[in-house]
Amino acid sequence: MKNLPALSVRSSVIVIFALTLLSFIAPAQGAKEIATPLAADTTRPTVGLRWVPLTSGDIEVNGLPWFHENGGSVCRLPIRSQSSFRQPVWSLAQCPSGGRIRFRTDSSTLAIRLEYSSAPNMANMQAFGQTGVDAYVDGAYMVTAIADKDAKAGKVYEPILFDFSKGPRVEREITLYLPLYKPVKVFGIGVDDHATLLKAKPFAVAKPVVFYGTSITQGGCASRPGMSYQAILARQLNLDFVNLGFSGNGLGEPELARAVSESRPPVTCWILARTIKPSTRCAKSTSPFSMPSEAHIPKPPSLS
């Protein structure tokens, strides 16, 4: 245990700070944050679009630190370490909660090509919250691509996220939020044949804030991916983030401490109390996250 590249606590700040901050932000949100979910059009043909893979240099994938190492998979943990994680954690890691696809484009039409592992199947979350891919345009919510009752491995969807073909060609900032509770494969982004693709605008801080915890952190019962508490905070503060919430499995395990350390975040936020019972176990369960780090691992402050 003494060699574990875990996280140190530079300041003892209760994680409720993050939720308190959210409570101040939420009342001030405009209609763009609380808009009623709208399903993307899956009936129109996407003929004539140019399909760009997520590994393209003009598309930025945020919130998935091992995306390129994992060969373009949207898994939230490194595939090379699969055997070190408990099966429930690994299974939940296939849901790309917190993953975002970002770019700028002057395309008049935007679509996404994806495949779900199965149909929506949660009793406590509807299809938008469980399977949705939220499209935000210039910071405002527009539409959500969702899995239908016939979704299954091998069935590919190409929903159109917007069509501004009757208007002037202008450059727009695009953010696509990936599903909270459903594995998905994203094969590409569809744009006009002659559309330009540019890097998204930079975040206020280069490195992401890492959130570690259980169901509330993964995004449990959020109305859609763009409405998880991390997504809302990140939009308001122009921050990048990584979601390492695992429903019912935020146990403060050493393997997850290593994963958090690998991303070398400027700050981490833990929400563990609802999983760790009784409270006397908290210190023991969170010790891998608060042990001194190895010399080559930075020591970020933590909200715990």
C-alpha atoms as a PDB file:
ATOM      1  CA  MET A   1       0.000   0.000   0.000  1.00  0.00           C
ATOM      2  CA  LYS A   2       2.826   2.452   0.733  1.00  0.00           C
ATOM      3  CA  ASN A   3       3.803   2.608  -2.954  1.00  0.00           C
ATOM      4  CA  LEU A   4       0.316   3.360  -4.173  1.00  0.00           C
ATOM      5  CA  PRO A   5       0.256   6.411  -6.466  1.00  0.00           C
ATOM      6  CA  ALA A   6      -2.804   7.776  -4.735  1.00  0.00           C
ATOM      7  CA  LEU A   7      -4.085  11.271  -4.021  1.00  0.00           C
ATOM      8  CA  SER A   8      -3.212  13.549  -1.129  1.00  0.00           C
ATOM      9  CA  VAL A   9      -5.539  15.864   0.760  1.00  0.00           C
ATOM     10  CA  ARG A  10      -4.055  19.317   0.684  1.00  0.00           C
ATOM     11  CA  SER A  11      -7.162  20.857   2.135  1.00  0.00           C
ATOM     12  CA  SER A  12      -9.944  19.374   4.213  1.00  0.00           C
ATOM     13  CA  VAL A  13     -12.991  20.665   2.383  1.00  0.00           C
ATOM     14  CA  ILE A  14     -16.347  18.899   2.569  1.00  0.00           C
ATOM     15  CA  VAL A  15     -17.645  17.766  -0.793  1.00  0.00           C
ATOM     16  CA  ILE A  16     -20.920  19.499  -0.057  1.00  0.00           C
ATOM     17  CA  PHE A  17     -19.036  22.602  -1.222  1.00  0.00           C
ATOM     18  CA  ALA A  18     -19.557  21.425  -4.797  1.00  0.00           C
ATOM     19  CA  LEU A  19     -23.238  20.804  -4.243  1.00  0.00           C
ATOM     20  CA  THR A  20     -23.598  24.142  -2.455  1.00  0.00           C
ATOM     21  CA  LEU A  21     -22.013  25.857  -5.419  1.00  0.00           C
ATOM     22  CA  LEU A  22     -24.490  24.083  -7.651  1.00  0.00           C
ATOM     23  CA  SER A  23     -27.369  25.277  -5.476  1.00  0.00           C
ATOM     24  CA  PHE A  24     -26.330  28.884  -6.154  1.00  0.00           C
ATOM     25  CA  ILE A  25     -25.855  28.271  -9.853  1.00  0.00           C
ATOM     26  CA  ALA A  26     -29.094  26.370 -10.490  1.00  0.00           C
ATOM     27  CA  PRO A  27     -31.582  29.191  -9.747  1.00  0.00           C
ATOM     28  CA  ALA A  28     -29.698  31.458 -12.133  1.00  0.00           C
ATOM     29  CA  GLN A  29     -29.810  29.029 -15.026  1.00  0.00           C
ATOM     30  CA  GLY A  30     -31.599  30.120 -18.162  1.00  0.00           C
ATOM     31  CA  ALA A  31     -33.987  28.157 -20.330  1.00  0.00           C
ATOM     32  CA  LYS A  32     -31.050  26.596 -22.153  1.00  0.00           C
ATOM     33  CA  GLU A  33     -30.302  24.508 -19.024  1.00  0.00           C
ATOM     34  CA  ILE A  34     -33.821  23.384 -18.149  1.00  0.00           C
ATOM     35  CA  ALA A  35     -35.255  22.874 -21.629  1.00  0.00           C
ATOM     36  CA  THR A  36     -37.591  19.915 -22.026  1.00  0.00           C
ATOM     37  CA  PRO A  37     -35.697  16.999 -23.633  1.00  0.00           C
ATOM     38  CA  LEU A  38     -36.288  16.733 -27.375  1.00  0.00           C
ATOM     39  CA  ALA A  39     -35.556  13.524 -29.297  1.00  0.00           C
ATOM     40  CA  ALA A  40     -33.327  13.735 -32.371  1.00  0.00           C
ATOM     41  CA  ASP A  41     -34.758  12.835 -35.772  1.00  0.00           C
ATOM     42  CA  THR A  42     -33.918   9.256 -36.753  1.00  0.00           C
ATOM     43  CA  THR A  43     -36.290   9.038 -39.729  1.00  0.00           C
ATOM     44  CA  ARG A  44     -34.483  11.273 -42.221  1.00  0.00           C
ATOM     45  CA  PRO A  45     -31.759   9.820 -44.470  1.00  0.00           C
ATOM     46  CA  THR A  46     -28.194  11.025 -43.900  1.00  0.00           C
ATOM     47  CA  VAL A  47     -27.069  10.623 -47.513  1.00  0.00           C
ATOM     48  CA  GLY A  48     -24.440  13.146 -48.571  1.00  0.00           C
ATOM     49  CA  LEU A  49     -22.854  13.673 -45.187  1.00  0.00           C
ATOM     50  CA  ARG A  50     -19.138  13.233 -44.561  1.00  0.00           C
ATOM     51  CA  TRP A  51     -18.490  10.949 -41.593  1.00  0.00           C
ATOM     52  CA  VAL A  52     -15.589  11.943 -39.371  1.00  0.00           C
ATOM     53  CA  PRO A  53     -14.228   9.452 -36.801  1.00  0.00           C
ATOM     54  CA  LEU A  54     -13.727  10.545 -33.198  1.00  0.00           C
ATOM     55  CA  THR A  55     -10.013   9.906 -33.574  1.00  0.00           C
ATOM     56  CA  SER A  56      -9.801  12.749 -36.103  1.00  0.00           C
ATOM     57  CA  GLY A  57      -7.429  15.469 -35.002  1.00  0.00           C
ATOM     58  CA  ASP A  58     -10.155  18.088 -35.412  1.00  0.00           C
ATOM     59  CA  ILE A  59     -12.474  16.433 -32.882  1.00  0.00           C
ATOM     60  CA  GLU A  60     -11.738  16.606 -29.162  1.00  0.00           C
ATOM     61  CA  VAL A  61     -12.902  13.866 -26.808  1.00  0.00           C
ATOM     62  CA  ASN A  62     -12.985  15.076 -23.204  1.00  0.00           C
ATOM     63  CA  GLY A  63     -13.724  13.286 -19.965  1.00  0.00           C
ATOM     64  CA  LEU A  64     -12.251   9.984 -21.154  1.00  0.00           C
ATOM     65  CA  PRO A  65      -8.527  10.098 -20.257  1.00  0.00           C
ATOM     66  CA  TRP A  66      -7.762   6.718 -21.840  1.00  0.00           C
ATOM     67  CA  PHE A  67      -9.746   7.237 -25.057  1.00  0.00           C
ATOM     68  CA  HIS A  68      -6.758   7.123 -27.408  1.00  0.00           C
ATOM     69  CA  GLU A  69      -4.923   4.450 -25.413  1.00  0.00           C
ATOM     70  CA  ASN A  70      -8.106   2.346 -25.544  1.00  0.00           C
ATOM     71  CA  GLY A  71      -8.168   2.539 -29.346  1.00  0.00           C
ATOM     72  CA  GLY A  72     -11.155   4.866 -29.576  1.00  0.00           C
ATOM     73  CA  SER A  73     -13.306   2.999 -27.057  1.00  0.00           C
ATOM     74  CA  VAL A  74     -15.385   5.267 -24.810  1.00  0.00           C
ATOM     75  CA  CYS A  75     -14.693   3.112 -21.741  1.00  0.00           C
ATOM     76  CA  ARG A  76     -13.995   5.251 -18.653  1.00  0.00           C
ATOM     77  CA  LEU A  77     -11.066   3.155 -17.387  1.00  0.00           C
ATOM     78  CA  PRO A  78      -7.853   1.853 -19.010  1.00  0.00           C
ATOM     79  CA  ILE A  79      -8.425  -1.467 -20.786  1.00  0.00           C
ATOM     80  CA  ARG A  80      -4.883  -2.587 -19.917  1.00  0.00           C
ATOM     81  CA  SER A  81      -5.897  -2.644 -16.234  1.00  0.00           C
ATOM     82  CA  GLN A  82      -9.230  -4.447 -16.659  1.00  0.00           C
ATOM     83  CA  SER A  83      -8.181  -7.417 -14.525  1.00  0.00           C
ATOM     84  CA  SER A  84      -7.430  -5.152 -11.550  1.00  0.00           C
ATOM     85  CA  PHE A  85     -10.987  -3.785 -11.274  1.00  0.00           C
ATOM     86  CA  ARG A  86     -13.937  -5.596  -9.713  1.00  0.00           C
ATOM     87  CA  GLN A  87     -16.449  -6.777 -12.306  1.00  0.00           C
ATOM     88  CA  PRO A  88     -19.248  -4.382 -11.205  1.00  0.00           C
ATOM     89  CA  VAL A  89     -16.870  -1.428 -11.532  1.00  0.00           C
ATOM     90  CA  TRP A  90     -15.629  -2.568 -14.935  1.00  0.00           C
ATOM     91  CA  SER A  91     -19.162  -3.100 -16.176  1.00  0.00           C
ATOM     92  CA  LEU A  92     -20.225   0.404 -15.099  1.00  0.00           C
ATOM     93  CA  ALA A  93     -17.088   1.837 -16.697  1.00  0.00           C
ATOM     94  CA  GLN A  94     -18.481   0.842 -20.101  1.00  0.00           C
ATOM     95  CA  CYS A  95     -21.092   3.580 -19.661  1.00  0.00           C
ATOM     96  CA  PRO A  96     -19.271   6.736 -20.859  1.00  0.00           C
ATOM     97  CA  SER A  97     -20.753   9.144 -18.310  1.00  0.00           C
ATOM     98  CA  GLY A  98     -18.921  12.463 -18.471  1.00  0.00           C
ATOM     99  CA  GLY A  99     -17.548  11.780 -21.936  1.00  0.00           C
ATOM    100  CA  ARG A 100     -17.937  14.731 -24.312  1.00  0.00           C
ATOM    101  CA  ILE A 101     -17.253  15.215 -28.019  1.00  0.00           C
ATOM    102  CA  ARG A 102     -16.271  18.816 -28.784  1.00  0.00           C
ATOM    103  CA  PHE A 103     -15.476  20.775 -31.941  1.00  0.00           C
ATOM    104  CA  ARG A 104     -16.405  23.823 -33.979  1.00  0.00           C
ATOM    105  CA  THR A 105     -17.965  23.574 -37.410  1.00  0.00           C
ATOM    106  CA  ASP A 106     -19.782  25.589 -40.035  1.00  0.00           C
ATOM    107  CA  SER A 107     -21.751  22.531 -41.119  1.00  0.00           C
ATOM    108  CA  SER A 108     -25.434  23.251 -41.684  1.00  0.00           C
ATOM    109  CA  THR A 109     -26.318  19.665 -40.740  1.00  0.00           C
ATOM    110  CA  LEU A 110     -24.997  17.527 -37.904  1.00  0.00           C
ATOM    111  CA  ALA A 111     -25.560  13.828 -37.263  1.00  0.00           C
ATOM    112  CA  ILE A 112     -23.997  11.083 -35.175  1.00  0.00           C
ATOM    113  CA  ARG A 113     -23.514   7.408 -36.029  1.00  0.00           C
ATOM    114  CA  LEU A 114     -23.777   5.119 -33.025  1.00  0.00           C
ATOM    115  CA  GLU A 115     -24.710   1.683 -31.742  1.00  0.00           C
ATOM    116  CA  TYR A 116     -26.192   0.838 -28.352  1.00  0.00           C
ATOM    117  CA  SER A 117     -25.577  -2.446 -26.558  1.00  0.00           C
ATOM    118  CA  SER A 118     -29.273  -2.818 -25.705  1.00  0.00           C
ATOM    119  CA  ALA A 119     -32.573  -0.963 -25.352  1.00  0.00           C
ATOM    120  CA  PRO A 120     -33.360   1.324 -22.385  1.00  0.00           C
ATOM    121  CA  ASN A 121     -33.999  -0.942 -19.422  1.00  0.00           C
ATOM    122  CA  MET A 122     -33.815   0.993 -16.146  1.00  0.00           C
ATOM    123  CA  ALA A 123     -36.834   1.317 -13.871  1.00  0.00           C
ATOM    124  CA  ASN A 124     -35.666   4.594 -12.304  1.00  0.00           C
ATOM    125  CA  MET A 125     -34.336   6.428 -15.372  1.00  0.00           C
ATOM    126  CA  GLN A 126     -36.054   7.159 -18.658  1.00  0.00           C
ATOM    127  CA  ALA A 127     -34.387   6.732 -22.064  1.00  0.00           C
ATOM    128  CA  PHE A 128     -33.130  10.334 -22.234  1.00  0.00           C
ATOM    129  CA  GLY A 129     -31.308  10.016 -18.924  1.00  0.00           C
ATOM    130  CA  GLN A 130     -29.995   6.484 -19.439  1.00  0.00           C
ATOM    131  CA  THR A 131     -29.081   6.388 -23.141  1.00  0.00           C
ATOM    132  CA  GLY A 132     -29.140   9.997 -24.334  1.00  0.00           C
ATOM    133  CA  VAL A 133     -26.469  11.793 -26.323  1.00  0.00           C
ATOM    134  CA  ASP A 134     -27.143  15.486 -25.675  1.00  0.00           C
ATOM    135  CA  ALA A 135     -26.260  18.051 -28.328  1.00  0.00           C
ATOM    136  CA  TYR A 136     -25.361  21.552 -27.112  1.00  0.00           C
ATOM    137  CA  VAL A 137     -24.819  24.288 -29.702  1.00  0.00           C
ATOM    138  CA  ASP A 138     -22.987  27.433 -28.594  1.00  0.00           C
ATOM    139  CA  GLY A 139     -23.631  26.409 -24.989  1.00  0.00           C
ATOM    140  CA  ALA A 140     -27.383  25.937 -25.387  1.00  0.00           C
ATOM    141  CA  TYR A 141     -29.192  22.591 -25.277  1.00  0.00           C
ATOM    142  CA  MET A 142     -30.708  21.588 -28.593  1.00  0.00           C
ATOM    143  CA  VAL A 143     -31.643  17.904 -28.859  1.00  0.00           C
ATOM    144  CA  THR A 144     -30.951  14.370 -27.570  1.00  0.00           C
ATOM    145  CA  ALA A 145     -30.280  11.187 -29.529  1.00  0.00           C
ATOM    146  CA  ILE A 146     -31.715   8.191 -27.640  1.00  0.00           C
ATOM    147  CA  ALA A 147     -31.946   4.427 -27.950  1.00  0.00           C
ATOM    148  CA  ASP A 148     -35.381   3.063 -28.802  1.00  0.00           C
ATOM    149  CA  LYS A 149     -37.027  -0.163 -27.655  1.00  0.00           C
ATOM    150  CA  ASP A 150     -35.401  -2.079 -30.523  1.00  0.00           C
ATOM    151  CA  ALA A 151     -31.832  -1.038 -29.786  1.00  0.00           C
ATOM    152  CA  LYS A 152     -29.345  -3.905 -29.732  1.00  0.00           C
ATOM    153  CA  ALA A 153     -25.764  -4.724 -30.628  1.00  0.00           C
ATOM    154  CA  GLY A 154     -25.344  -4.528 -34.378  1.00  0.00           C
ATOM    155  CA  LYS A 155     -28.137  -2.000 -34.960  1.00  0.00           C
ATOM    156  CA  VAL A 156     -26.630   1.324 -36.038  1.00  0.00           C
ATOM    157  CA  TYR A 157     -28.444   4.650 -35.665  1.00  0.00           C
ATOM    158  CA  GLU A 158     -27.740   7.899 -37.532  1.00  0.00           C
ATOM    159  CA  PRO A 159     -29.905  10.552 -35.838  1.00  0.00           C
ATOM    160  CA  ILE A 160     -29.780  14.086 -37.190  1.00  0.00           C
ATOM    161  CA  LEU A 161     -28.965  16.507 -34.384  1.00  0.00           C
ATOM    162  CA  PHE A 162     -29.693  19.684 -36.308  1.00  0.00           C
ATOM    163  CA  ASP A 163     -30.423  20.965 -39.807  1.00  0.00           C
ATOM    164  CA  PHE A 164     -29.824  24.667 -40.468  1.00  0.00           C
ATOM    165  CA  SER A 165     -29.588  24.210 -44.229  1.00  0.00           C
ATOM    166  CA  LYS A 166     -32.175  26.970 -44.835  1.00  0.00           C
ATOM    167  CA  GLY A 167     -30.121  29.518 -42.933  1.00  0.00           C
ATOM    168  CA  PRO A 168     -26.713  31.138 -43.453  1.00  0.00           C
ATOM    169  CA  ARG A 169     -23.577  29.062 -42.977  1.00  0.00           C
ATOM    170  CA  VAL A 170     -22.022  30.099 -39.660  1.00  0.00           C
ATOM    171  CA  GLU A 171     -19.502  28.567 -37.305  1.00  0.00           C
ATOM    172  CA  ARG A 172     -20.925  26.915 -34.178  1.00  0.00           C
ATOM    173  CA  GLU A 173     -19.409  25.428 -31.031  1.00  0.00           C
ATOM    174  CA  ILE A 174     -20.623  21.841 -30.558  1.00  0.00           C
ATOM    175  CA  THR A 175     -20.576  19.709 -27.402  1.00  0.00           C
ATOM    176  CA  LEU A 176     -22.064  16.204 -27.395  1.00  0.00           C
ATOM    177  CA  TYR A 177     -22.570  14.598 -23.967  1.00  0.00           C
ATOM    178  CA  LEU A 178     -22.378  10.793 -23.996  1.00  0.00           C
ATOM    179  CA  PRO A 179     -24.773   8.422 -22.156  1.00  0.00           C
ATOM    180  CA  LEU A 180     -24.791   8.188 -18.363  1.00  0.00           C
ATOM    181  CA  TYR A 181     -25.919   4.587 -17.927  1.00  0.00           C
ATOM    182  CA  LYS A 182     -25.662   2.725 -21.243  1.00  0.00           C
ATOM    183  CA  PRO A 183     -22.643   1.396 -23.158  1.00  0.00           C
ATOM    184  CA  VAL A 184     -22.419   2.848 -26.655  1.00  0.00           C
ATOM    185  CA  LYS A 185     -20.153   2.767 -29.680  1.00  0.00           C
ATOM    186  CA  VAL A 186     -19.728   6.045 -31.564  1.00  0.00           C
ATOM    187  CA  PHE A 187     -18.548   5.466 -35.119  1.00  0.00           C
ATOM    188  CA  GLY A 188     -18.457   9.042 -36.320  1.00  0.00           C
ATOM    189  CA  ILE A 189     -19.879  12.533 -36.635  1.00  0.00           C
ATOM    190  CA  GLY A 190     -21.735  13.467 -39.826  1.00  0.00           C
ATOM    191  CA  VAL A 191     -21.199  16.924 -41.340  1.00  0.00           C
ATOM    192  CA  ASP A 192     -21.709  18.559 -44.728  1.00  0.00           C
ATOM    193  CA  ASP A 193     -19.276  17.373 -47.361  1.00  0.00           C
ATOM    194  CA  HIS A 194     -17.490  20.747 -47.542  1.00  0.00           C
ATOM    195  CA  ALA A 195     -17.870  21.762 -43.903  1.00  0.00           C
ATOM    196  CA  THR A 196     -14.855  22.850 -41.896  1.00  0.00           C
ATOM    197  CA  LEU A 197     -13.959  21.289 -38.549  1.00  0.00           C
ATOM    198  CA  LEU A 198     -11.931  23.186 -35.966  1.00  0.00           C
ATOM    199  CA  LYS A 199     -10.763  22.560 -32.421  1.00  0.00           C
ATOM    200  CA  ALA A 200     -13.175  23.518 -29.655  1.00  0.00           C
ATOM    201  CA  LYS A 201     -12.458  26.591 -27.574  1.00  0.00           C
ATOM    202  CA  PRO A 202     -10.064  25.903 -24.677  1.00  0.00           C
ATOM    203  CA  PHE A 203     -11.164  25.385 -21.090  1.00  0.00           C
ATOM    204  CA  ALA A 204     -10.319  27.892 -18.383  1.00  0.00           C
ATOM    205  CA  VAL A 205      -7.993  25.297 -16.819  1.00  0.00           C
ATOM    206  CA  ALA A 206      -6.142  22.820 -19.019  1.00  0.00           C
ATOM    207  CA  LYS A 207      -6.450  19.724 -16.825  1.00  0.00           C
ATOM    208  CA  PRO A 208      -9.792  18.211 -15.798  1.00  0.00           C
ATOM    209  CA  VAL A 209     -11.355  18.067 -12.353  1.00  0.00           C
ATOM    210  CA  VAL A 210     -11.944  14.408 -11.421  1.00  0.00           C
ATOM    211  CA  PHE A 211     -15.162  13.369  -9.676  1.00  0.00           C
ATOM    212  CA  TYR A 212     -15.144  10.015  -7.880  1.00  0.00           C
ATOM    213  CA  GLY A 213     -18.144   8.483  -6.165  1.00  0.00           C
ATOM    214  CA  THR A 214     -21.291   6.432  -6.584  1.00  0.00           C
ATOM    215  CA  SER A 215     -24.629   6.756  -8.394  1.00  0.00           C
ATOM    216  CA  ILE A 216     -25.188  10.481  -7.851  1.00  0.00           C
ATOM    217  CA  THR A 217     -21.744  11.076  -9.352  1.00  0.00           C
ATOM    218  CA  GLN A 218     -22.252   8.728 -12.296  1.00  0.00           C
ATOM    219  CA  GLY A 219     -25.409  10.700 -13.087  1.00  0.00           C
ATOM    220  CA  GLY A 220     -28.153   8.699 -11.426  1.00  0.00           C
ATOM    221  CA  CYS A 221     -31.633  10.056 -12.216  1.00  0.00           C
ATOM    222  CA  ALA A 222     -30.402  13.107 -14.127  1.00  0.00           C
ATOM    223  CA  SER A 223     -32.962  13.979 -16.808  1.00  0.00           C
ATOM    224  CA  ARG A 224     -30.292  13.739 -19.523  1.00  0.00           C
ATOM    225  CA  PRO A 225     -26.452  13.668 -19.748  1.00  0.00           C
ATOM    226  CA  GLY A 226     -26.047  17.430 -19.972  1.00  0.00           C
ATOM    227  CA  MET A 227     -27.882  17.796 -16.666  1.00  0.00           C
ATOM    228  CA  SER A 228     -25.562  15.807 -14.410  1.00  0.00           C
ATOM    229  CA  TYR A 229     -24.216  18.078 -11.689  1.00  0.00           C
ATOM    230  CA  GLN A 230     -20.686  17.934 -13.118  1.00  0.00           C
ATOM    231  CA  ALA A 231     -21.910  18.918 -16.586  1.00  0.00           C
ATOM    232  CA  ILE A 232     -23.804  21.908 -15.211  1.00  0.00           C
ATOM    233  CA  LEU A 233     -20.866  23.092 -13.092  1.00  0.00           C
ATOM    234  CA  ALA A 234     -18.435  22.603 -15.969  1.00  0.00           C
ATOM    235  CA  ARG A 235     -20.528  24.677 -18.372  1.00  0.00           C
ATOM    236  CA  GLN A 236     -20.893  27.491 -15.855  1.00  0.00           C
ATOM    237  CA  LEU A 237     -17.182  27.545 -14.993  1.00  0.00           C
ATOM    238  CA  ASN A 238     -15.757  26.485 -18.388  1.00  0.00           C
ATOM    239  CA  LEU A 239     -13.989  23.486 -16.853  1.00  0.00           C
ATOM    240  CA  ASP A 240     -13.107  20.048 -18.145  1.00  0.00           C
ATOM    241  CA  PHE A 241     -13.987  17.072 -15.931  1.00  0.00           C
ATOM    242  CA  VAL A 242     -13.694  13.302 -15.639  1.00  0.00           C
ATOM    243  CA  ASN A 243     -16.567  11.289 -14.174  1.00  0.00           C
ATOM    244  CA  LEU A 244     -15.402   8.242 -12.217  1.00  0.00           C
ATOM    245  CA  GLY A 245     -18.697   7.638 -10.458  1.00  0.00           C
ATOM    246  CA  PHE A 246     -19.739   3.983 -10.235  1.00  0.00           C
ATOM    247  CA  SER A 247     -23.268   3.355  -9.057  1.00  0.00           C
ATOM    248  CA  GLY A 248     -23.225   1.533  -5.718  1.00  0.00           C
ATOM    249  CA  ASN A 249     -19.492   0.900  -6.086  1.00  0.00           C
ATOM    250  CA  GLY A 250     -17.697   4.051  -4.937  1.00  0.00           C
ATOM    251  CA  LEU A 251     -15.770   2.163  -2.256  1.00  0.00           C
ATOM    252  CA  GLY A 252     -12.494   4.069  -2.303  1.00  0.00           C
ATOM    253  CA  GLU A 253     -10.573   1.147  -3.784  1.00  0.00           C
ATOM    254  CA  PRO A 254      -6.799   1.364  -4.390  1.00  0.00           C
ATOM    255  CA  GLU A 255      -7.276   0.487  -8.062  1.00  0.00           C
ATOM    256  CA  LEU A 256      -9.495   3.531  -8.541  1.00  0.00           C
ATOM    257  CA  ALA A 257      -7.035   5.718  -6.639  1.00  0.00           C
ATOM    258  CA  ARG A 258      -4.407   4.672  -9.175  1.00  0.00           C
ATOM    259  CA  ALA A 259      -6.754   5.502 -12.035  1.00  0.00           C
ATOM    260  CA  VAL A 260      -7.479   8.954 -10.606  1.00  0.00           C
ATOM    261  CA  SER A 261      -3.763   9.583 -10.096  1.00  0.00           C
ATOM    262  CA  GLU A 262      -2.997   8.674 -13.707  1.00  0.00           C
ATOM    263  CA  SER A 263      -5.144  11.551 -14.935  1.00  0.00           C
ATOM    264  CA  ARG A 264      -3.125  13.944 -12.718  1.00  0.00           C
ATOM    265  CA  PRO A 265      -6.026  16.298 -11.958  1.00  0.00           C
ATOM    266  CA  PRO A 266      -5.640  19.756 -10.404  1.00  0.00           C
ATOM    267  CA  VAL A 267      -8.395  18.845  -7.916  1.00  0.00           C
ATOM    268  CA  THR A 268     -10.539  15.815  -7.085  1.00  0.00           C
ATOM    269  CA  CYS A 269     -14.027  15.615  -5.646  1.00  0.00           C
ATOM    270  CA  TRP A 270     -15.227  12.528  -3.762  1.00  0.00           C
ATOM    271  CA  ILE A 271     -18.824  11.666  -2.909  1.00  0.00           C
ATOM    272  CA  LEU A 272     -18.754   8.341  -1.087  1.00  0.00           C
ATOM    273  CA  ALA A 273     -20.903   8.581   2.021  1.00  0.00           C
ATOM    274  CA  ARG A 274     -24.072   7.030   0.594  1.00  0.00           C
ATOM    275  CA  THR A 275     -22.211   3.837  -0.281  1.00  0.00           C
ATOM    276  CA  ILE A 276     -19.888   3.483   2.707  1.00  0.00           C
ATOM    277  CA  LYS A 277     -21.869   2.359   5.755  1.00  0.00           C
ATOM    278  CA  PRO A 278     -21.455   2.804   8.619  1.00  0.00           C
ATOM    279  CA  SER A 279     -19.659   6.127   8.595  1.00  0.00           C
ATOM    280  CA  THR A 280     -16.842   4.714  10.759  1.00  0.00           C
ATOM    281  CA  ARG A 281     -15.620   2.860   7.666  1.00  0.00           C
ATOM    282  CA  CYS A 282     -15.104   6.073   5.697  1.00  0.00           C
ATOM    283  CA  ALA A 283     -11.557   6.720   6.905  1.00  0.00           C
ATOM    284  CA  LYS A 284     -10.467   3.176   6.071  1.00  0.00           C
ATOM    285  CA  SER A 285     -12.210   3.150   2.697  1.00  0.00           C
ATOM    286  CA  THR A 286     -10.840   6.512   1.594  1.00  0.00           C
ATOM    287  CA  SER A 287      -7.288   5.962   2.837  1.00  0.00           C
ATOM    288  CA  PRO A 288      -5.989   4.951  -0.629  1.00  0.00           C
ATOM    289  CA  PHE A 289      -7.007   8.418  -1.817  1.00  0.00           C
ATOM    290  CA  SER A 290      -5.356  10.313   1.041  1.00  0.00           C
ATOM    291  CA  MET A 291      -2.025   8.475   1.361  1.00  0.00           C
ATOM    292  CA  PRO A 292       1.155  10.325   0.346  1.00  0.00           C
ATOM    293  CA  SER A 293       1.712  10.056  -3.373  1.00  0.00           C
ATOM    294  CA  GLU A 294       4.862   8.817  -5.040  1.00  0.00           C
ATOM    295  CA  ALA A 295       7.335  11.538  -5.896  1.00  0.00           C
ATOM    296  CA  HIS A 296       6.462  11.641  -9.594  1.00  0.00           C
ATOM    297  CA  ILE A 297       2.733  12.003  -8.957  1.00  0.00           C
ATOM    298  CA  PRO A 298       1.498  15.579  -8.325  1.00  0.00           C
ATOM    299  CA  LYS A 299      -0.505  16.147  -5.156  1.00  0.00           C
ATOM    300  CA  PRO A 300      -3.767  17.819  -6.088  1.00  0.00           C
ATOM    301  CA  PRO A 301      -6.119  19.280  -3.482  1.00  0.00           C
ATOM    302  CA  SER A 302      -9.255  17.259  -2.851  1.00  0.00           C
ATOM    303  CA  LEU A 303     -12.850  17.972  -1.972  1.00  0.00           C
ATOM    304  CA  SER A 304     -13.784  15.083   0.299  1.00  0.00           C
END
